[in-house]
Amino acid sequence: VATTLTGAGVDALMLASAPRNPSDSRGPWFDALLVDEATQSTEVSLLVALQHCATLCILAGDHMQLPPTIISQAAARSGLATSLFERIADAGDAPTRLLVQYRMHPRLSAYPSKRFYNGTLLDGVRASDRPMPVGFAWPRQGWP
């Protein structure tokens, strides 16, 4: 489950990676597991990593964004397109939601805030913090 990313110089957890030594299945390899973008992971691939975790698993993601990529329509209809993160949230274990976004220009964040979060997503940046890139001809002044 642990592998080295090329050029990164650190050990990183890759969900679908095979164990380095498949015969060594004695106990957990990690005390904790942090899965970023967990809503994009299939349950099966996540279970590969979870089997090597002892006590703590943190799933980070947003089930209002990208779901797992499932090519087979039959598999999707069978429920494999639902992430473990979403399944846990749907079962009543409400995730902790971040309330402030810092990535987007406020005009861009207005749509997802209204569409997915009932207008509750706040901006941690002002429009002046996200100026137009120099040399990029926007269609209209004042439009992000």
N, C-alpha and C. Protein backbone atom coordinates (compact mmCIF):
# COMPACT_ATOMS: atom_id res chain seq x y z
N VAL A 1 0.82 -1.18 0.00
CA VAL A 1 0.00 0.00 0.00
C VAL A 1 0.87 1.25 0.00
N ALA A 2 2.04 1.20 0.60
CA ALA A 2 2.92 2.37 0.60
C ALA A 2 3.86 2.29 -0.59
N THR A 3 4.03 3.40 -1.25
CA THR A 3 4.93 3.45 -2.40
C THR A 3 5.57 4.82 -2.45
N THR A 4 6.63 4.96 -3.20
CA THR A 4 7.29 6.25 -3.34
C THR A 4 6.88 6.89 -4.65
N LEU A 5 6.42 8.12 -4.58
CA LEU A 5 6.07 8.85 -5.79
C LEU A 5 7.35 9.30 -6.49
N THR A 6 7.41 9.15 -7.78
CA THR A 6 8.58 9.54 -8.53
C THR A 6 8.87 11.02 -8.34
N GLY A 7 10.06 11.33 -7.88
CA GLY A 7 10.47 12.71 -7.72
C GLY A 7 9.99 13.38 -6.46
N ALA A 8 9.08 12.76 -5.73
CA ALA A 8 8.53 13.40 -4.54
C ALA A 8 9.46 13.24 -3.34
N GLY A 9 10.18 12.13 -3.28
CA GLY A 9 11.09 11.91 -2.18
C GLY A 9 10.41 11.58 -0.87
N VAL A 10 9.13 11.24 -0.90
CA VAL A 10 8.41 10.89 0.31
C VAL A 10 7.61 9.63 0.05
N ASP A 11 7.32 8.88 1.11
CA ASP A 11 6.43 7.74 0.95
C ASP A 11 5.01 8.26 0.94
N ALA A 12 4.24 7.79 0.00
CA ALA A 12 2.86 8.23 -0.12
C ALA A 12 1.96 7.02 -0.24
N LEU A 13 0.77 7.16 0.22
CA LEU A 13 -0.19 6.07 0.19
C LEU A 13 -0.95 6.10 -1.12
N MET A 14 -0.92 5.01 -1.82
CA MET A 14 -1.64 4.89 -3.07
C MET A 14 -2.71 3.83 -2.87
N LEU A 15 -3.97 4.20 -3.03
CA LEU A 15 -5.08 3.32 -2.66
C LEU A 15 -5.05 1.97 -3.36
N ALA A 16 -4.81 1.94 -4.64
CA ALA A 16 -4.94 0.68 -5.37
C ALA A 16 -3.62 -0.06 -5.51
N SER A 17 -2.59 0.36 -4.82
CA SER A 17 -1.30 -0.32 -4.92
C SER A 17 -1.31 -1.63 -4.17
N ALA A 18 -0.56 -2.57 -4.68
CA ALA A 18 -0.44 -3.86 -4.00
C ALA A 18 0.60 -3.74 -2.89
N PRO A 19 0.53 -4.60 -1.88
CA PRO A 19 1.55 -4.59 -0.83
C PRO A 19 2.92 -4.88 -1.42
N ARG A 20 3.97 -4.33 -0.81
CA ARG A 20 5.32 -4.61 -1.27
C ARG A 20 5.64 -6.09 -1.14
N ASN A 21 5.16 -6.69 -0.08
CA ASN A 21 5.38 -8.11 0.15
C ASN A 21 4.02 -8.74 0.43
N PRO A 22 3.37 -9.30 -0.59
CA PRO A 22 2.01 -9.81 -0.41
C PRO A 22 1.89 -10.88 0.67
N SER A 23 2.98 -11.59 0.96
CA SER A 23 2.89 -12.64 1.99
C SER A 23 2.92 -12.06 3.39
N ASP A 24 3.29 -10.78 3.52
CA ASP A 24 3.36 -10.14 4.84
C ASP A 24 2.04 -9.45 5.13
N SER A 25 1.09 -10.18 5.66
CA SER A 25 -0.21 -9.60 5.98
C SER A 25 -0.45 -9.57 7.48
N ARG A 26 0.63 -9.60 8.25
CA ARG A 26 0.52 -9.60 9.71
C ARG A 26 0.25 -8.20 10.24
N GLY A 27 -0.95 -7.96 10.67
CA GLY A 27 -1.30 -6.72 11.35
C GLY A 27 -1.24 -5.48 10.48
N PRO A 28 -1.61 -4.36 11.07
CA PRO A 28 -1.66 -3.10 10.33
C PRO A 28 -0.26 -2.54 10.07
N TRP A 29 -0.13 -1.82 8.98
CA TRP A 29 1.13 -1.16 8.65
C TRP A 29 1.17 0.26 9.20
N PHE A 30 -0.01 0.86 9.37
CA PHE A 30 -0.08 2.26 9.74
C PHE A 30 -0.99 2.45 10.95
N ASP A 31 -0.66 3.43 11.78
CA ASP A 31 -1.52 3.79 12.91
C ASP A 31 -2.70 4.62 12.44
N ALA A 32 -2.48 5.41 11.41
CA ALA A 32 -3.53 6.30 10.91
C ALA A 32 -3.48 6.33 9.39
N LEU A 33 -4.62 6.62 8.81
CA LEU A 33 -4.74 6.70 7.36
C LEU A 33 -5.49 7.98 7.03
N LEU A 34 -4.92 8.81 6.17
CA LEU A 34 -5.57 10.02 5.68
C LEU A 34 -5.79 9.85 4.19
N VAL A 35 -7.04 9.91 3.77
CA VAL A 35 -7.38 9.77 2.35
C VAL A 35 -7.94 11.09 1.86
N ASP A 36 -7.17 11.78 1.02
CA ASP A 36 -7.64 13.02 0.42
C ASP A 36 -8.46 12.68 -0.82
N GLU A 37 -9.45 13.50 -1.13
CA GLU A 37 -10.36 13.26 -2.25
C GLU A 37 -11.01 11.88 -2.13
N ALA A 38 -11.40 11.53 -0.92
CA ALA A 38 -11.98 10.21 -0.64
C ALA A 38 -13.28 9.97 -1.39
N THR A 39 -13.96 11.02 -1.78
CA THR A 39 -15.22 10.84 -2.51
C THR A 39 -14.98 10.38 -3.94
N GLN A 40 -13.75 10.46 -4.42
CA GLN A 40 -13.42 9.99 -5.76
C GLN A 40 -12.91 8.55 -5.75
N SER A 41 -12.78 7.96 -4.57
CA SER A 41 -12.28 6.59 -4.44
C SER A 41 -13.45 5.61 -4.39
N THR A 42 -13.32 4.51 -5.09
CA THR A 42 -14.33 3.47 -4.97
C THR A 42 -14.18 2.81 -3.60
N GLU A 43 -15.24 2.22 -3.12
CA GLU A 43 -15.16 1.53 -1.83
C GLU A 43 -14.12 0.42 -1.87
N VAL A 44 -14.06 -0.31 -2.97
CA VAL A 44 -13.13 -1.43 -3.08
C VAL A 44 -11.69 -0.94 -2.98
N SER A 45 -11.34 0.13 -3.70
CA SER A 45 -9.96 0.62 -3.63
C SER A 45 -9.64 1.18 -2.26
N LEU A 46 -10.61 1.77 -1.61
CA LEU A 46 -10.38 2.30 -0.27
C LEU A 46 -10.17 1.17 0.73
N LEU A 47 -10.85 0.06 0.54
CA LEU A 47 -10.68 -1.08 1.45
C LEU A 47 -9.28 -1.66 1.39
N VAL A 48 -8.61 -1.55 0.24
CA VAL A 48 -7.23 -2.01 0.13
C VAL A 48 -6.37 -1.26 1.14
N ALA A 49 -6.55 0.05 1.23
CA ALA A 49 -5.78 0.85 2.18
C ALA A 49 -6.25 0.64 3.61
N LEU A 50 -7.56 0.56 3.82
CA LEU A 50 -8.11 0.42 5.18
C LEU A 50 -7.67 -0.86 5.87
N GLN A 51 -7.43 -1.91 5.12
CA GLN A 51 -7.02 -3.17 5.75
C GLN A 51 -5.66 -3.07 6.42
N HIS A 52 -4.89 -2.03 6.10
CA HIS A 52 -3.56 -1.87 6.68
C HIS A 52 -3.51 -0.75 7.72
N CYS A 53 -4.67 -0.28 8.16
CA CYS A 53 -4.73 0.82 9.11
C CYS A 53 -5.22 0.30 10.46
N ALA A 54 -4.54 0.71 11.53
CA ALA A 54 -4.84 0.19 12.86
C ALA A 54 -6.02 0.87 13.54
N THR A 55 -5.95 2.18 13.72
CA THR A 55 -6.92 2.80 14.62
C THR A 55 -7.67 4.00 14.08
N LEU A 56 -7.09 4.77 13.21
CA LEU A 56 -7.69 6.03 12.80
C LEU A 56 -7.70 6.16 11.29
N CYS A 57 -8.87 6.51 10.75
CA CYS A 57 -8.99 6.77 9.32
C CYS A 57 -9.71 8.10 9.14
N ILE A 58 -9.09 9.00 8.42
CA ILE A 58 -9.69 10.29 8.13
C ILE A 58 -9.98 10.35 6.63
N LEU A 59 -11.24 10.53 6.30
CA LEU A 59 -11.65 10.66 4.90
C LEU A 59 -11.90 12.14 4.63
N ALA A 60 -11.14 12.71 3.71
CA ALA A 60 -11.31 14.12 3.35
C ALA A 60 -11.85 14.18 1.93
N GLY A 61 -12.87 14.98 1.73
CA GLY A 61 -13.45 15.11 0.40
C GLY A 61 -14.78 15.82 0.48
N ASP A 62 -15.43 15.90 -0.64
CA ASP A 62 -16.71 16.58 -0.72
C ASP A 62 -17.60 15.79 -1.67
N HIS A 63 -18.60 15.13 -1.12
CA HIS A 63 -19.46 14.29 -1.96
C HIS A 63 -20.38 15.11 -2.87
N MET A 64 -20.31 16.44 -2.78
CA MET A 64 -21.02 17.29 -3.73
C MET A 64 -20.17 17.54 -4.97
N GLN A 65 -18.92 17.08 -4.94
CA GLN A 65 -18.04 17.25 -6.10
C GLN A 65 -17.94 15.94 -6.86
N LEU A 66 -16.77 15.60 -7.35
CA LEU A 66 -16.61 14.45 -8.24
C LEU A 66 -16.79 13.12 -7.52
N PRO A 67 -17.60 12.23 -8.10
CA PRO A 67 -17.77 10.88 -7.55
C PRO A 67 -16.67 9.96 -8.08
N PRO A 68 -16.64 8.71 -7.63
CA PRO A 68 -15.68 7.76 -8.21
C PRO A 68 -15.96 7.60 -9.71
N THR A 69 -14.91 7.33 -10.46
CA THR A 69 -15.06 7.06 -11.89
C THR A 69 -15.34 5.58 -12.08
N ILE A 70 -16.52 5.27 -12.55
CA ILE A 70 -16.93 3.89 -12.80
C ILE A 70 -17.30 3.80 -14.28
N ILE A 71 -16.57 2.99 -15.02
CA ILE A 71 -16.81 2.88 -16.46
C ILE A 71 -17.99 1.96 -16.76
N SER A 72 -18.11 0.89 -16.01
CA SER A 72 -19.18 -0.08 -16.24
C SER A 72 -20.52 0.46 -15.74
N GLN A 73 -21.49 0.56 -16.63
CA GLN A 73 -22.83 1.01 -16.23
C GLN A 73 -23.48 0.01 -15.28
N ALA A 74 -23.24 -1.27 -15.50
CA ALA A 74 -23.80 -2.29 -14.60
C ALA A 74 -23.23 -2.14 -13.20
N ALA A 75 -21.93 -1.87 -13.10
CA ALA A 75 -21.30 -1.66 -11.80
C ALA A 75 -21.86 -0.41 -11.13
N ALA A 76 -22.06 0.64 -11.91
CA ALA A 76 -22.62 1.88 -11.36
C ALA A 76 -24.04 1.64 -10.84
N ARG A 77 -24.85 0.91 -11.62
CA ARG A 77 -26.22 0.62 -11.18
C ARG A 77 -26.23 -0.27 -9.93
N SER A 78 -25.18 -1.04 -9.73
CA SER A 78 -25.10 -1.93 -8.57
C SER A 78 -24.60 -1.21 -7.32
N GLY A 79 -24.33 0.09 -7.43
CA GLY A 79 -23.94 0.86 -6.26
C GLY A 79 -22.47 1.16 -6.14
N LEU A 80 -21.66 0.71 -7.09
CA LEU A 80 -20.22 0.94 -7.00
C LEU A 80 -19.82 2.38 -7.30
N ALA A 81 -20.75 3.19 -7.79
CA ALA A 81 -20.45 4.60 -8.07
C ALA A 81 -20.62 5.47 -6.82
N THR A 82 -21.03 4.87 -5.72
CA THR A 82 -21.17 5.60 -4.46
C THR A 82 -19.91 5.37 -3.63
N SER A 83 -19.27 6.45 -3.22
CA SER A 83 -18.05 6.32 -2.42
C SER A 83 -18.40 5.94 -0.98
N LEU A 84 -17.42 5.40 -0.28
CA LEU A 84 -17.61 5.08 1.14
C LEU A 84 -17.92 6.35 1.91
N PHE A 85 -17.27 7.45 1.55
CA PHE A 85 -17.52 8.74 2.19
C PHE A 85 -19.01 9.10 2.09
N GLU A 86 -19.56 9.01 0.87
CA GLU A 86 -20.96 9.36 0.67
C GLU A 86 -21.88 8.38 1.38
N ARG A 87 -21.53 7.10 1.36
CA ARG A 87 -22.36 6.09 2.02
C ARG A 87 -22.42 6.35 3.53
N ILE A 88 -21.29 6.72 4.12
CA ILE A 88 -21.25 7.03 5.56
C ILE A 88 -22.08 8.28 5.84
N ALA A 89 -21.94 9.31 4.99
CA ALA A 89 -22.73 10.54 5.17
C ALA A 89 -24.22 10.27 5.04
N ASP A 90 -24.60 9.46 4.05
CA ASP A 90 -26.01 9.12 3.85
C ASP A 90 -26.58 8.30 5.00
N ALA A 91 -25.72 7.58 5.72
CA ALA A 91 -26.16 6.76 6.84
C ALA A 91 -26.38 7.60 8.10
N GLY A 92 -26.08 8.90 8.02
CA GLY A 92 -26.37 9.77 9.15
C GLY A 92 -25.16 10.27 9.91
N ASP A 93 -23.97 9.82 9.54
CA ASP A 93 -22.75 10.32 10.20
C ASP A 93 -22.30 11.56 9.42
N ALA A 94 -22.82 12.70 9.83
CA ALA A 94 -22.61 13.94 9.08
C ALA A 94 -21.14 14.34 9.07
N PRO A 95 -20.61 14.61 7.88
CA PRO A 95 -19.21 15.06 7.81
C PRO A 95 -19.07 16.49 8.32
N THR A 96 -17.88 16.83 8.77
CA THR A 96 -17.58 18.20 9.14
C THR A 96 -17.30 18.95 7.85
N ARG A 97 -18.01 20.03 7.64
CA ARG A 97 -17.87 20.76 6.38
C ARG A 97 -17.10 22.04 6.59
N LEU A 98 -16.16 22.28 5.69
CA LEU A 98 -15.47 23.57 5.70
C LEU A 98 -16.44 24.62 5.18
N LEU A 99 -16.45 25.77 5.80
CA LEU A 99 -17.43 26.79 5.46
C LEU A 99 -16.88 27.91 4.59
N VAL A 100 -15.56 28.04 4.51
CA VAL A 100 -14.94 29.15 3.80
C VAL A 100 -14.04 28.61 2.70
N GLN A 101 -14.20 29.13 1.48
CA GLN A 101 -13.34 28.72 0.37
C GLN A 101 -12.38 29.86 0.03
N TYR A 102 -11.17 29.47 -0.34
CA TYR A 102 -10.13 30.45 -0.67
C TYR A 102 -9.62 30.30 -2.11
N ARG A 103 -10.15 29.35 -2.85
CA ARG A 103 -9.63 29.05 -4.18
C ARG A 103 -10.15 29.98 -5.27
N MET A 104 -11.42 30.27 -5.23
CA MET A 104 -12.07 30.90 -6.38
C MET A 104 -12.37 32.38 -6.17
N HIS A 105 -12.46 33.05 -7.30
CA HIS A 105 -12.99 34.41 -7.33
C HIS A 105 -14.42 34.32 -6.79
N PRO A 106 -14.86 35.29 -6.00
CA PRO A 106 -16.21 35.23 -5.44
C PRO A 106 -17.33 35.05 -6.46
N ARG A 107 -17.16 35.59 -7.67
CA ARG A 107 -18.21 35.41 -8.68
C ARG A 107 -18.28 33.95 -9.14
N LEU A 108 -17.16 33.27 -9.13
CA LEU A 108 -17.17 31.85 -9.51
C LEU A 108 -17.74 30.98 -8.41
N SER A 109 -17.47 31.32 -7.17
CA SER A 109 -17.95 30.49 -6.06
C SER A 109 -19.44 30.69 -5.79
N ALA A 110 -20.02 31.74 -6.34
CA ALA A 110 -21.45 32.01 -6.09
C ALA A 110 -22.33 30.86 -6.58
N TYR A 111 -22.01 30.29 -7.74
CA TYR A 111 -22.84 29.20 -8.27
C TYR A 111 -22.79 27.95 -7.38
N PRO A 112 -21.61 27.37 -7.09
CA PRO A 112 -21.64 26.18 -6.24
C PRO A 112 -22.21 26.45 -4.85
N SER A 113 -22.00 27.67 -4.34
CA SER A 113 -22.56 27.99 -3.04
C SER A 113 -24.08 27.87 -3.06
N LYS A 114 -24.70 28.45 -4.09
CA LYS A 114 -26.17 28.39 -4.19
C LYS A 114 -26.65 27.00 -4.57
N ARG A 115 -26.00 26.38 -5.55
CA ARG A 115 -26.47 25.11 -6.11
C ARG A 115 -26.31 23.94 -5.16
N PHE A 116 -25.18 23.87 -4.46
CA PHE A 116 -24.87 22.68 -3.66
C PHE A 116 -24.91 22.91 -2.16
N TYR A 117 -24.74 24.15 -1.71
CA TYR A 117 -24.59 24.40 -0.28
C TYR A 117 -25.60 25.40 0.27
N ASN A 118 -26.71 25.58 -0.42
CA ASN A 118 -27.79 26.47 0.05
C ASN A 118 -27.29 27.87 0.39
N GLY A 119 -26.31 28.36 -0.36
CA GLY A 119 -25.80 29.71 -0.15
C GLY A 119 -24.93 29.88 1.07
N THR A 120 -24.50 28.79 1.69
CA THR A 120 -23.74 28.90 2.94
C THR A 120 -22.23 28.90 2.76
N LEU A 121 -21.73 28.65 1.55
CA LEU A 121 -20.29 28.65 1.31
C LEU A 121 -19.80 30.09 1.27
N LEU A 122 -18.89 30.41 2.16
CA LEU A 122 -18.39 31.78 2.27
C LEU A 122 -17.07 31.92 1.52
N ASP A 123 -16.76 33.16 1.12
CA ASP A 123 -15.51 33.45 0.44
C ASP A 123 -14.49 33.99 1.44
N GLY A 124 -13.32 33.42 1.42
CA GLY A 124 -12.23 33.90 2.26
C GLY A 124 -11.33 34.87 1.50
N VAL A 125 -11.69 35.15 0.25
CA VAL A 125 -10.95 36.10 -0.58
C VAL A 125 -11.93 37.10 -1.16
N ARG A 126 -11.41 38.28 -1.48
CA ARG A 126 -12.23 39.31 -2.14
C ARG A 126 -11.93 39.28 -3.63
N ALA A 127 -12.78 39.89 -4.40
CA ALA A 127 -12.55 39.98 -5.85
C ALA A 127 -11.20 40.62 -6.13
N SER A 128 -10.81 41.59 -5.33
CA SER A 128 -9.53 42.27 -5.54
C SER A 128 -8.33 41.35 -5.26
N ASP A 129 -8.57 40.27 -4.52
CA ASP A 129 -7.51 39.29 -4.27
C ASP A 129 -7.27 38.37 -5.46
N ARG A 130 -8.19 38.37 -6.40
CA ARG A 130 -8.12 37.50 -7.59
C ARG A 130 -8.22 38.36 -8.85
N PRO A 131 -7.19 39.18 -9.13
CA PRO A 131 -7.25 40.06 -10.30
C PRO A 131 -7.12 39.26 -11.60
N MET A 132 -7.52 39.91 -12.70
CA MET A 132 -7.40 39.27 -14.00
C MET A 132 -5.92 39.06 -14.32
N PRO A 133 -5.56 37.92 -14.90
CA PRO A 133 -4.16 37.69 -15.28
C PRO A 133 -3.73 38.69 -16.36
N VAL A 134 -2.51 39.16 -16.24
CA VAL A 134 -1.97 40.09 -17.22
C VAL A 134 -1.83 39.37 -18.56
N GLY A 135 -2.28 40.02 -19.62
CA GLY A 135 -2.15 39.45 -20.95
C GLY A 135 -3.27 38.52 -21.35
N PHE A 136 -4.24 38.30 -20.47
CA PHE A 136 -5.37 37.44 -20.80
C PHE A 136 -6.56 38.34 -21.07
N ALA A 137 -7.06 38.31 -22.29
CA ALA A 137 -8.16 39.20 -22.68
C ALA A 137 -9.50 38.59 -22.27
N TRP A 138 -10.01 39.03 -21.15
CA TRP A 138 -11.32 38.56 -20.70
C TRP A 138 -12.39 39.14 -21.60
N PRO A 139 -13.50 38.43 -21.79
CA PRO A 139 -14.56 38.96 -22.66
C PRO A 139 -15.12 40.30 -22.19
N ARG A 140 -15.23 40.49 -20.87
CA ARG A 140 -15.79 41.75 -20.35
C ARG A 140 -15.02 42.14 -19.10
N GLN A 141 -14.79 43.41 -18.97
CA GLN A 141 -14.17 43.91 -17.75
C GLN A 141 -15.10 43.67 -16.57
N GLY A 142 -14.57 43.23 -15.46
CA GLY A 142 -15.38 42.99 -14.27
C GLY A 142 -15.99 41.60 -14.21
N TRP A 143 -15.76 40.79 -15.24
CA TRP A 143 -16.26 39.41 -15.24
C TRP A 143 -15.08 38.48 -15.04
N PRO A 144 -15.12 37.62 -14.04
CA PRO A 144 -13.94 36.79 -13.75
C PRO A 144 -13.59 35.85 -14.89
